[in-house]
Amino acid sequence: MTSAIRTALIGMAAAGVLLPVSASAQFKNQGYLTDTQGNIVRALGANVCVRTSDWTPARAVAQCDPDLVKKPAPKPKAAPKPAAKPKAKPKPPAKKPKPQYLNIEQKIELQGMPFGKAEMTADNKAELDKFLAGLRKATKARGVVEFGAVIVTGHTDRIGSMGYNMKLSERRAVVVKDYLVSQRVDQKLIFWEGKGPKQPIPVTKFCDNKMKRKQLIECLAPNRRVTVEVVGRALKPAAKPKPKAEAKPKAKPKPKR
């Protein structure tokens, strides 16, 4: 992201609300997006820390990913003095358990955009529609995903200058961002940026620049894409009770001879 947009994001995070950026952004070389005071930015609604592309499990922090951080062994407590047993009080009625949530992270690559253009193909739209429908569909295993943040990243192939490709990748990200808004995704939750040709699909390293231009353009098609990442939460499915073990039948006594 540009420094101006990063400053805007930081201001929004300090106020407790994440708003969409209007230009590209550049994350710090760390696992989470932070404001000027070093506080980690959390996504609106889902209260989920926003990770950067540099995030790894080794950079997890307890306040965002407690399951990935080793907890220190608790210090042994001194044995309390025995106290007089109070009279038993009647048990209050059992409270209904609060719903528990799971953090959800889903990603899709919309590949094969037209060469030199910022347009979604019919296949791109169909793939994105199916992706959104899956997130919104309630199932027994996972409830409807509540969107916390949607990160849209545009990419290009390596043909052309860096300046041209950076602007083209940003236009591609904006096209997908606008399509998401048309599909009822809250614009306040969407963040977008352009990476140009900096993150090519690994298989395209075999595309030789000595190829004929038409052949090279076709070979590099997977790089002409937009990545959509969704961070949110969904209801944690209730644990199923374990079935009781059936009692084994008693052995019949052997007949006497």
C-alpha atoms as a PDB file:
ATOM      1  CA  MET A   1       0.000   0.000   0.000  1.00  0.00           C
ATOM      2  CA  THR A   2       1.143   3.607  -0.445  1.00  0.00           C
ATOM      3  CA  SER A   3       2.250   5.521   2.641  1.00  0.00           C
ATOM      4  CA  ALA A   4      -0.832   7.769   2.416  1.00  0.00           C
ATOM      5  CA  ILE A   5      -3.199   4.806   2.467  1.00  0.00           C
ATOM      6  CA  ARG A   6      -1.263   3.080   5.259  1.00  0.00           C
ATOM      7  CA  THR A   7      -1.634   6.298   7.310  1.00  0.00           C
ATOM      8  CA  ALA A   8      -5.388   6.235   6.613  1.00  0.00           C
ATOM      9  CA  LEU A   9      -5.654   2.592   7.720  1.00  0.00           C
ATOM     10  CA  ILE A  10      -3.732   3.356  10.912  1.00  0.00           C
ATOM     11  CA  GLY A  11      -6.077   6.244  11.727  1.00  0.00           C
ATOM     12  CA  MET A  12      -9.111   4.034  11.245  1.00  0.00           C
ATOM     13  CA  ALA A  13      -7.636   1.274  13.428  1.00  0.00           C
ATOM     14  CA  ALA A  14      -6.904   3.752  16.259  1.00  0.00           C
ATOM     15  CA  ALA A  15     -10.565   4.797  16.233  1.00  0.00           C
ATOM     16  CA  GLY A  16     -11.647   1.129  16.511  1.00  0.00           C
ATOM     17  CA  VAL A  17     -13.137   0.939  12.988  1.00  0.00           C
ATOM     18  CA  LEU A  18     -11.444  -0.355   9.849  1.00  0.00           C
ATOM     19  CA  LEU A  19     -12.428   1.500   6.671  1.00  0.00           C
ATOM     20  CA  PRO A  20     -11.600   0.681   3.006  1.00  0.00           C
ATOM     21  CA  VAL A  21      -8.481   2.195   1.498  1.00  0.00           C
ATOM     22  CA  SER A  22      -8.613   4.130  -1.788  1.00  0.00           C
ATOM     23  CA  ALA A  23      -5.090   3.279  -2.984  1.00  0.00           C
ATOM     24  CA  SER A  24      -2.568   0.483  -2.664  1.00  0.00           C
ATOM     25  CA  ALA A  25      -0.834  -0.308   0.668  1.00  0.00           C
ATOM     26  CA  GLN A  26       2.570  -1.656   1.800  1.00  0.00           C
ATOM     27  CA  PHE A  27       2.590  -3.779   4.950  1.00  0.00           C
ATOM     28  CA  LYS A  28       5.573  -3.715   7.335  1.00  0.00           C
ATOM     29  CA  ASN A  29       7.865  -6.759   7.319  1.00  0.00           C
ATOM     30  CA  GLN A  30       5.967  -8.444  10.146  1.00  0.00           C
ATOM     31  CA  GLY A  31       3.083 -10.836  10.677  1.00  0.00           C
ATOM     32  CA  TYR A  32       0.285  -8.343  11.472  1.00  0.00           C
ATOM     33  CA  LEU A  33      -0.933  -4.955  10.263  1.00  0.00           C
ATOM     34  CA  THR A  34      -0.112  -2.302  12.943  1.00  0.00           C
ATOM     35  CA  ASP A  35      -0.823   1.384  13.557  1.00  0.00           C
ATOM     36  CA  THR A  36       1.728   4.129  14.320  1.00  0.00           C
ATOM     37  CA  GLN A  37       1.785   3.174  18.009  1.00  0.00           C
ATOM     38  CA  GLY A  38       2.577  -0.460  17.248  1.00  0.00           C
ATOM     39  CA  ASN A  39      -0.942  -1.706  18.090  1.00  0.00           C
ATOM     40  CA  ILE A  40      -2.218  -4.595  15.987  1.00  0.00           C
ATOM     41  CA  VAL A  41      -5.197  -3.681  13.745  1.00  0.00           C
ATOM     42  CA  ARG A  42      -8.304  -5.855  14.189  1.00  0.00           C
ATOM     43  CA  ALA A  43     -10.935  -6.395  11.514  1.00  0.00           C
ATOM     44  CA  LEU A  44     -14.353  -4.827  12.041  1.00  0.00           C
ATOM     45  CA  GLY A  45     -17.080  -7.110  13.452  1.00  0.00           C
ATOM     46  CA  ALA A  46     -15.092 -10.330  13.688  1.00  0.00           C
ATOM     47  CA  ASN A  47     -12.440  -8.863  16.026  1.00  0.00           C
ATOM     48  CA  VAL A  48      -9.792 -10.803  14.097  1.00  0.00           C
ATOM     49  CA  CYS A  49      -6.223  -9.540  13.775  1.00  0.00           C
ATOM     50  CA  VAL A  50      -5.392  -8.632  10.149  1.00  0.00           C
ATOM     51  CA  ARG A  51      -2.374 -10.623   8.981  1.00  0.00           C
ATOM     52  CA  THR A  52       0.120  -9.431   6.383  1.00  0.00           C
ATOM     53  CA  SER A  53       1.545 -11.527   3.539  1.00  0.00           C
ATOM     54  CA  ASP A  54       4.662 -12.038   5.722  1.00  0.00           C
ATOM     55  CA  TRP A  55       2.727 -13.826   8.482  1.00  0.00           C
ATOM     56  CA  THR A  56       3.976 -17.276   9.567  1.00  0.00           C
ATOM     57  CA  PRO A  57       3.073 -19.416  12.617  1.00  0.00           C
ATOM     58  CA  ALA A  58       6.460 -18.447  14.099  1.00  0.00           C
ATOM     59  CA  ARG A  59       5.306 -14.784  14.161  1.00  0.00           C
ATOM     60  CA  ALA A  60       2.040 -15.527  15.952  1.00  0.00           C
ATOM     61  CA  VAL A  61       1.281 -13.521  19.098  1.00  0.00           C
ATOM     62  CA  ALA A  62      -0.895 -14.600  22.003  1.00  0.00           C
ATOM     63  CA  GLN A  63      -3.439 -11.786  21.651  1.00  0.00           C
ATOM     64  CA  CYS A  64      -4.247 -12.826  18.058  1.00  0.00           C
ATOM     65  CA  ASP A  65      -3.449 -16.538  17.773  1.00  0.00           C
ATOM     66  CA  PRO A  66      -3.314 -17.970  21.313  1.00  0.00           C
ATOM     67  CA  ASP A  67      -3.476 -21.557  20.029  1.00  0.00           C
ATOM     68  CA  LEU A  68      -0.138 -21.092  18.207  1.00  0.00           C
ATOM     69  CA  VAL A  69       1.780 -19.552  21.127  1.00  0.00           C
ATOM     70  CA  LYS A  70       3.232 -21.719  23.881  1.00  0.00           C
ATOM     71  CA  LYS A  71       1.862 -20.767  27.263  1.00  0.00           C
ATOM     72  CA  PRO A  72       4.251 -20.665  30.255  1.00  0.00           C
ATOM     73  CA  ALA A  73       3.742 -23.393  32.807  1.00  0.00           C
ATOM     74  CA  PRO A  74       1.658 -22.080  35.730  1.00  0.00           C
ATOM     75  CA  LYS A  75       3.506 -21.588  38.999  1.00  0.00           C
ATOM     76  CA  PRO A  76       2.449 -24.012  41.754  1.00  0.00           C
ATOM     77  CA  LYS A  77       0.163 -22.344  44.246  1.00  0.00           C
ATOM     78  CA  ALA A  78       0.722 -22.643  47.956  1.00  0.00           C
ATOM     79  CA  ALA A  79      -1.715 -25.019  49.594  1.00  0.00           C
ATOM     80  CA  PRO A  80      -4.496 -22.960  51.229  1.00  0.00           C
ATOM     81  CA  LYS A  81      -5.356 -23.468  54.849  1.00  0.00           C
ATOM     82  CA  PRO A  82      -8.413 -25.638  55.360  1.00  0.00           C
ATOM     83  CA  ALA A  83     -11.450 -23.505  56.027  1.00  0.00           C
ATOM     84  CA  ALA A  84     -14.690 -24.371  57.669  1.00  0.00           C
ATOM     85  CA  LYS A  85     -17.080 -25.927  55.205  1.00  0.00           C
ATOM     86  CA  PRO A  86     -19.947 -23.540  54.464  1.00  0.00           C
ATOM     87  CA  LYS A  87     -23.465 -24.783  54.326  1.00  0.00           C
ATOM     88  CA  ALA A  88     -24.456 -26.086  50.938  1.00  0.00           C
ATOM     89  CA  LYS A  89     -26.439 -23.554  48.917  1.00  0.00           C
ATOM     90  CA  PRO A  90     -29.061 -24.583  46.416  1.00  0.00           C
ATOM     91  CA  LYS A  91     -27.628 -24.838  42.909  1.00  0.00           C
ATOM     92  CA  PRO A  92     -28.722 -22.029  40.570  1.00  0.00           C
ATOM     93  CA  PRO A  93     -30.387 -23.043  37.310  1.00  0.00           C
ATOM     94  CA  ALA A  94     -27.900 -23.965  34.593  1.00  0.00           C
ATOM     95  CA  LYS A  95     -27.116 -21.128  32.203  1.00  0.00           C
ATOM     96  CA  LYS A  96     -27.302 -21.632  28.478  1.00  0.00           C
ATOM     97  CA  PRO A  97     -23.782 -21.893  27.008  1.00  0.00           C
ATOM     98  CA  LYS A  98     -22.629 -18.872  25.002  1.00  0.00           C
ATOM     99  CA  PRO A  99     -22.071 -19.503  21.298  1.00  0.00           C
ATOM    100  CA  GLN A 100     -18.426 -20.154  20.416  1.00  0.00           C
ATOM    101  CA  TYR A 101     -16.819 -19.003  17.169  1.00  0.00           C
ATOM    102  CA  LEU A 102     -14.047 -20.226  14.891  1.00  0.00           C
ATOM    103  CA  ASN A 103     -11.740 -17.929  12.930  1.00  0.00           C
ATOM    104  CA  ILE A 104     -12.170 -18.497   9.197  1.00  0.00           C
ATOM    105  CA  GLU A 105      -9.647 -17.662   6.442  1.00  0.00           C
ATOM    106  CA  GLN A 106     -10.552 -18.416   2.827  1.00  0.00           C
ATOM    107  CA  LYS A 107      -8.720 -17.503  -0.405  1.00  0.00           C
ATOM    108  CA  ILE A 108      -9.418 -17.662  -4.136  1.00  0.00           C
ATOM    109  CA  GLU A 109      -7.254 -16.864  -7.207  1.00  0.00           C
ATOM    110  CA  LEU A 110      -9.157 -15.388 -10.185  1.00  0.00           C
ATOM    111  CA  GLN A 111      -6.706 -16.224 -13.007  1.00  0.00           C
ATOM    112  CA  GLY A 112      -6.579 -15.660 -16.755  1.00  0.00           C
ATOM    113  CA  MET A 113      -7.662 -12.006 -17.025  1.00  0.00           C
ATOM    114  CA  PRO A 114      -7.322 -10.482 -20.532  1.00  0.00           C
ATOM    115  CA  PHE A 115      -3.805  -9.333 -21.490  1.00  0.00           C
ATOM    116  CA  GLY A 116      -3.280  -5.621 -20.809  1.00  0.00           C
ATOM    117  CA  LYS A 117      -6.834  -5.150 -19.484  1.00  0.00           C
ATOM    118  CA  ALA A 118      -8.515  -4.742 -16.096  1.00  0.00           C
ATOM    119  CA  GLU A 119     -11.551  -6.932 -16.779  1.00  0.00           C
ATOM    120  CA  MET A 120     -13.086 -10.012 -15.157  1.00  0.00           C
ATOM    121  CA  THR A 121     -13.873 -12.907 -17.452  1.00  0.00           C
ATOM    122  CA  ALA A 122     -17.162 -14.784 -17.247  1.00  0.00           C
ATOM    123  CA  ASP A 123     -15.275 -17.643 -15.562  1.00  0.00           C
ATOM    124  CA  ASN A 124     -13.798 -15.207 -13.004  1.00  0.00           C
ATOM    125  CA  LYS A 125     -17.280 -13.993 -12.052  1.00  0.00           C
ATOM    126  CA  ALA A 126     -18.685 -17.529 -11.832  1.00  0.00           C
ATOM    127  CA  GLU A 127     -15.785 -18.641  -9.588  1.00  0.00           C
ATOM    128  CA  LEU A 128     -16.165 -15.620  -7.294  1.00  0.00           C
ATOM    129  CA  ASP A 129     -19.960 -16.079  -7.073  1.00  0.00           C
ATOM    130  CA  LYS A 130     -19.483 -19.721  -6.060  1.00  0.00           C
ATOM    131  CA  PHE A 131     -16.825 -18.707  -3.515  1.00  0.00           C
ATOM    132  CA  LEU A 132     -19.116 -16.104  -1.882  1.00  0.00           C
ATOM    133  CA  ALA A 133     -22.084 -18.491  -1.877  1.00  0.00           C
ATOM    134  CA  GLY A 134     -20.012 -21.070  -0.012  1.00  0.00           C
ATOM    135  CA  LEU A 135     -19.110 -18.532   2.665  1.00  0.00           C
ATOM    136  CA  ARG A 136     -22.714 -17.442   3.098  1.00  0.00           C
ATOM    137  CA  LYS A 137     -24.283 -20.908   3.127  1.00  0.00           C
ATOM    138  CA  ALA A 138     -25.232 -22.310   6.538  1.00  0.00           C
ATOM    139  CA  THR A 139     -24.236 -25.922   7.102  1.00  0.00           C
ATOM    140  CA  LYS A 140     -24.335 -28.293  10.052  1.00  0.00           C
ATOM    141  CA  ALA A 141     -20.555 -28.247  10.328  1.00  0.00           C
ATOM    142  CA  ARG A 142     -20.074 -24.493   9.975  1.00  0.00           C
ATOM    143  CA  GLY A 143     -22.448 -21.549  10.193  1.00  0.00           C
ATOM    144  CA  VAL A 144     -22.590 -18.558   7.882  1.00  0.00           C
ATOM    145  CA  VAL A 145     -19.252 -16.729   7.807  1.00  0.00           C
ATOM    146  CA  GLU A 146     -19.328 -13.201   9.203  1.00  0.00           C
ATOM    147  CA  PHE A 147     -16.923 -11.157   7.075  1.00  0.00           C
ATOM    148  CA  GLY A 148     -14.325  -9.303   9.131  1.00  0.00           C
ATOM    149  CA  ALA A 149     -12.018  -8.139   6.316  1.00  0.00           C
ATOM    150  CA  VAL A 150     -11.732  -8.801   2.582  1.00  0.00           C
ATOM    151  CA  ILE A 151      -8.248  -8.264   1.056  1.00  0.00           C
ATOM    152  CA  VAL A 152      -8.131  -7.898  -2.751  1.00  0.00           C
ATOM    153  CA  THR A 153      -4.716  -8.046  -4.471  1.00  0.00           C
ATOM    154  CA  GLY A 154      -4.165  -7.448  -8.206  1.00  0.00           C
ATOM    155  CA  HIS A 155      -1.324  -9.090 -10.192  1.00  0.00           C
ATOM    156  CA  THR A 156       0.119  -8.932 -13.740  1.00  0.00           C
ATOM    157  CA  ASP A 157       2.515 -10.918 -15.910  1.00  0.00           C
ATOM    158  CA  ARG A 158       6.098  -9.695 -16.447  1.00  0.00           C
ATOM    159  CA  ILE A 159       5.552  -8.274 -19.936  1.00  0.00           C
ATOM    160  CA  GLY A 160       5.850  -4.471 -19.943  1.00  0.00           C
ATOM    161  CA  SER A 161       7.413  -1.905 -17.609  1.00  0.00           C
ATOM    162  CA  MET A 162       7.152  -2.085 -13.817  1.00  0.00           C
ATOM    163  CA  GLY A 163       5.309   1.248 -13.627  1.00  0.00           C
ATOM    164  CA  TYR A 164       2.694   0.194 -16.185  1.00  0.00           C
ATOM    165  CA  ASN A 165       2.160  -3.201 -14.537  1.00  0.00           C
ATOM    166  CA  MET A 166       1.790  -1.715 -11.040  1.00  0.00           C
ATOM    167  CA  LYS A 167      -1.008   0.586 -12.237  1.00  0.00           C
ATOM    168  CA  LEU A 168      -2.638  -2.247 -14.208  1.00  0.00           C
ATOM    169  CA  SER A 169      -2.602  -4.537 -11.145  1.00  0.00           C
ATOM    170  CA  GLU A 170      -4.273  -1.804  -9.068  1.00  0.00           C
ATOM    171  CA  ARG A 171      -6.997  -1.329 -11.709  1.00  0.00           C
ATOM    172  CA  ARG A 172      -7.637  -5.088 -11.692  1.00  0.00           C
ATOM    173  CA  ALA A 173      -7.963  -5.060  -7.895  1.00  0.00           C
ATOM    174  CA  VAL A 174     -10.475  -2.171  -8.100  1.00  0.00           C
ATOM    175  CA  VAL A 175     -12.565  -4.021 -10.713  1.00  0.00           C
ATOM    176  CA  VAL A 176     -12.894  -7.048  -8.397  1.00  0.00           C
ATOM    177  CA  LYS A 177     -13.524  -4.784  -5.380  1.00  0.00           C
ATOM    178  CA  ASP A 178     -16.403  -3.097  -7.227  1.00  0.00           C
ATOM    179  CA  TYR A 179     -17.829  -6.493  -8.198  1.00  0.00           C
ATOM    180  CA  LEU A 180     -17.739  -7.615  -4.548  1.00  0.00           C
ATOM    181  CA  VAL A 181     -19.644  -4.476  -3.547  1.00  0.00           C
ATOM    182  CA  SER A 182     -22.252  -5.267  -6.231  1.00  0.00           C
ATOM    183  CA  GLN A 183     -22.613  -8.715  -4.588  1.00  0.00           C
ATOM    184  CA  ARG A 184     -23.561  -7.138  -1.221  1.00  0.00           C
ATOM    185  CA  VAL A 185     -20.115  -7.268   0.413  1.00  0.00           C
ATOM    186  CA  ASP A 186     -19.767  -4.256   2.739  1.00  0.00           C
ATOM    187  CA  GLN A 187     -17.375  -1.766   1.120  1.00  0.00           C
ATOM    188  CA  LYS A 188     -16.075  -0.760   4.566  1.00  0.00           C
ATOM    189  CA  LEU A 189     -14.562  -4.245   4.979  1.00  0.00           C
ATOM    190  CA  ILE A 190     -12.648  -4.309   1.675  1.00  0.00           C
ATOM    191  CA  PHE A 191      -8.921  -3.484   1.401  1.00  0.00           C
ATOM    192  CA  TRP A 192      -7.170  -3.557  -1.984  1.00  0.00           C
ATOM    193  CA  GLU A 193      -3.674  -3.236  -3.443  1.00  0.00           C
ATOM    194  CA  GLY A 194      -1.641  -3.996  -6.576  1.00  0.00           C
ATOM    195  CA  LYS A 195       1.515  -6.125  -6.664  1.00  0.00           C
ATOM    196  CA  GLY A 196       2.321  -5.904 -10.380  1.00  0.00           C
ATOM    197  CA  PRO A 197       4.517  -8.850 -11.506  1.00  0.00           C
ATOM    198  CA  LYS A 198       6.175  -9.275  -8.081  1.00  0.00           C
ATOM    199  CA  GLN A 199       4.357 -12.496  -7.076  1.00  0.00           C
ATOM    200  CA  PRO A 200       4.208 -14.767 -10.169  1.00  0.00           C
ATOM    201  CA  ILE A 201       2.624 -18.215 -10.141  1.00  0.00           C
ATOM    202  CA  PRO A 202       5.549 -20.689  -9.707  1.00  0.00           C
ATOM    203  CA  VAL A 203       4.799 -22.721 -12.839  1.00  0.00           C
ATOM    204  CA  THR A 204       5.218 -19.642 -15.073  1.00  0.00           C
ATOM    205  CA  LYS A 205       8.975 -19.618 -14.420  1.00  0.00           C
ATOM    206  CA  PHE A 206       9.172 -22.069 -17.318  1.00  0.00           C
ATOM    207  CA  CYS A 207       7.749 -19.457 -19.735  1.00  0.00           C
ATOM    208  CA  ASP A 208      10.823 -18.554 -21.812  1.00  0.00           C
ATOM    209  CA  ASN A 209      11.118 -14.959 -23.052  1.00  0.00           C
ATOM    210  CA  LYS A 210      12.463 -16.406 -26.322  1.00  0.00           C
ATOM    211  CA  MET A 211       8.977 -17.738 -27.110  1.00  0.00           C
ATOM    212  CA  LYS A 212       6.911 -16.020 -29.775  1.00  0.00           C
ATOM    213  CA  ARG A 213       4.989 -13.110 -28.214  1.00  0.00           C
ATOM    214  CA  LYS A 214       1.562 -14.744 -28.587  1.00  0.00           C
ATOM    215  CA  GLN A 215       2.867 -17.992 -27.099  1.00  0.00           C
ATOM    216  CA  LEU A 216       4.533 -16.137 -24.179  1.00  0.00           C
ATOM    217  CA  ILE A 217       1.346 -14.172 -23.424  1.00  0.00           C
ATOM    218  CA  GLU A 218      -0.636 -17.414 -23.287  1.00  0.00           C
ATOM    219  CA  CYS A 219       2.015 -19.104 -21.109  1.00  0.00           C
ATOM    220  CA  LEU A 220       1.955 -16.241 -18.570  1.00  0.00           C
ATOM    221  CA  ALA A 221      -1.886 -16.121 -18.362  1.00  0.00           C
ATOM    222  CA  PRO A 222      -2.055 -17.536 -14.775  1.00  0.00           C
ATOM    223  CA  ASN A 223      -0.169 -14.450 -13.537  1.00  0.00           C
ATOM    224  CA  ARG A 224      -2.871 -12.098 -14.856  1.00  0.00           C
ATOM    225  CA  ARG A 225      -5.070 -12.537 -11.819  1.00  0.00           C
ATOM    226  CA  VAL A 226      -6.650 -11.096  -8.660  1.00  0.00           C
ATOM    227  CA  THR A 227      -6.410 -12.771  -5.247  1.00  0.00           C
ATOM    228  CA  VAL A 228      -9.364 -12.442  -2.828  1.00  0.00           C
ATOM    229  CA  GLU A 229      -8.780 -13.331   0.837  1.00  0.00           C
ATOM    230  CA  VAL A 230     -11.605 -13.341   3.380  1.00  0.00           C
ATOM    231  CA  VAL A 231     -11.001 -13.197   7.126  1.00  0.00           C
ATOM    232  CA  GLY A 232     -14.014 -13.742   9.373  1.00  0.00           C
ATOM    233  CA  ARG A 233     -15.636 -16.067  11.864  1.00  0.00           C
ATOM    234  CA  ALA A 234     -18.309 -18.767  11.994  1.00  0.00           C
ATOM    235  CA  LEU A 235     -20.171 -20.606  14.737  1.00  0.00           C
ATOM    236  CA  LYS A 236     -18.231 -23.490  16.232  1.00  0.00           C
ATOM    237  CA  PRO A 237     -20.174 -26.746  15.828  1.00  0.00           C
ATOM    238  CA  ALA A 238     -21.398 -28.296  19.069  1.00  0.00           C
ATOM    239  CA  ALA A 239     -19.476 -31.362  20.220  1.00  0.00           C
ATOM    240  CA  LYS A 240     -21.333 -34.601  19.636  1.00  0.00           C
ATOM    241  CA  PRO A 241     -21.930 -36.723  22.768  1.00  0.00           C
ATOM    242  CA  LYS A 242     -19.985 -39.965  22.813  1.00  0.00           C
ATOM    243  CA  PRO A 243     -22.177 -43.057  22.412  1.00  0.00           C
ATOM    244  CA  LYS A 244     -22.451 -45.225  25.488  1.00  0.00           C
ATOM    245  CA  ALA A 245     -20.710 -48.584  25.286  1.00  0.00           C
ATOM    246  CA  GLU A 246     -23.161 -51.447  25.066  1.00  0.00           C
ATOM    247  CA  ALA A 247     -22.997 -54.001  27.889  1.00  0.00           C
ATOM    248  CA  LYS A 248     -21.550 -57.313  26.783  1.00  0.00           C
ATOM    249  CA  PRO A 249     -24.013 -60.242  27.036  1.00  0.00           C
ATOM    250  CA  LYS A 250     -23.261 -62.702  29.799  1.00  0.00           C
ATOM    251  CA  ALA A 251     -21.774 -66.001  28.678  1.00  0.00           C
ATOM    252  CA  LYS A 252     -24.204 -68.890  28.750  1.00  0.00           C
ATOM    253  CA  PRO A 253     -23.320 -71.647  31.269  1.00  0.00           C
ATOM    254  CA  LYS A 254     -21.972 -74.815  29.706  1.00  0.00           C
ATOM    255  CA  PRO A 255     -24.407 -77.799  29.929  1.00  0.00           C
ATOM    256  CA  LYS A 256     -23.434 -80.479  32.428  1.00  0.00           C
ATOM    257  CA  ARG A 257     -22.671 -83.928  31.016  1.00  0.00           C
END
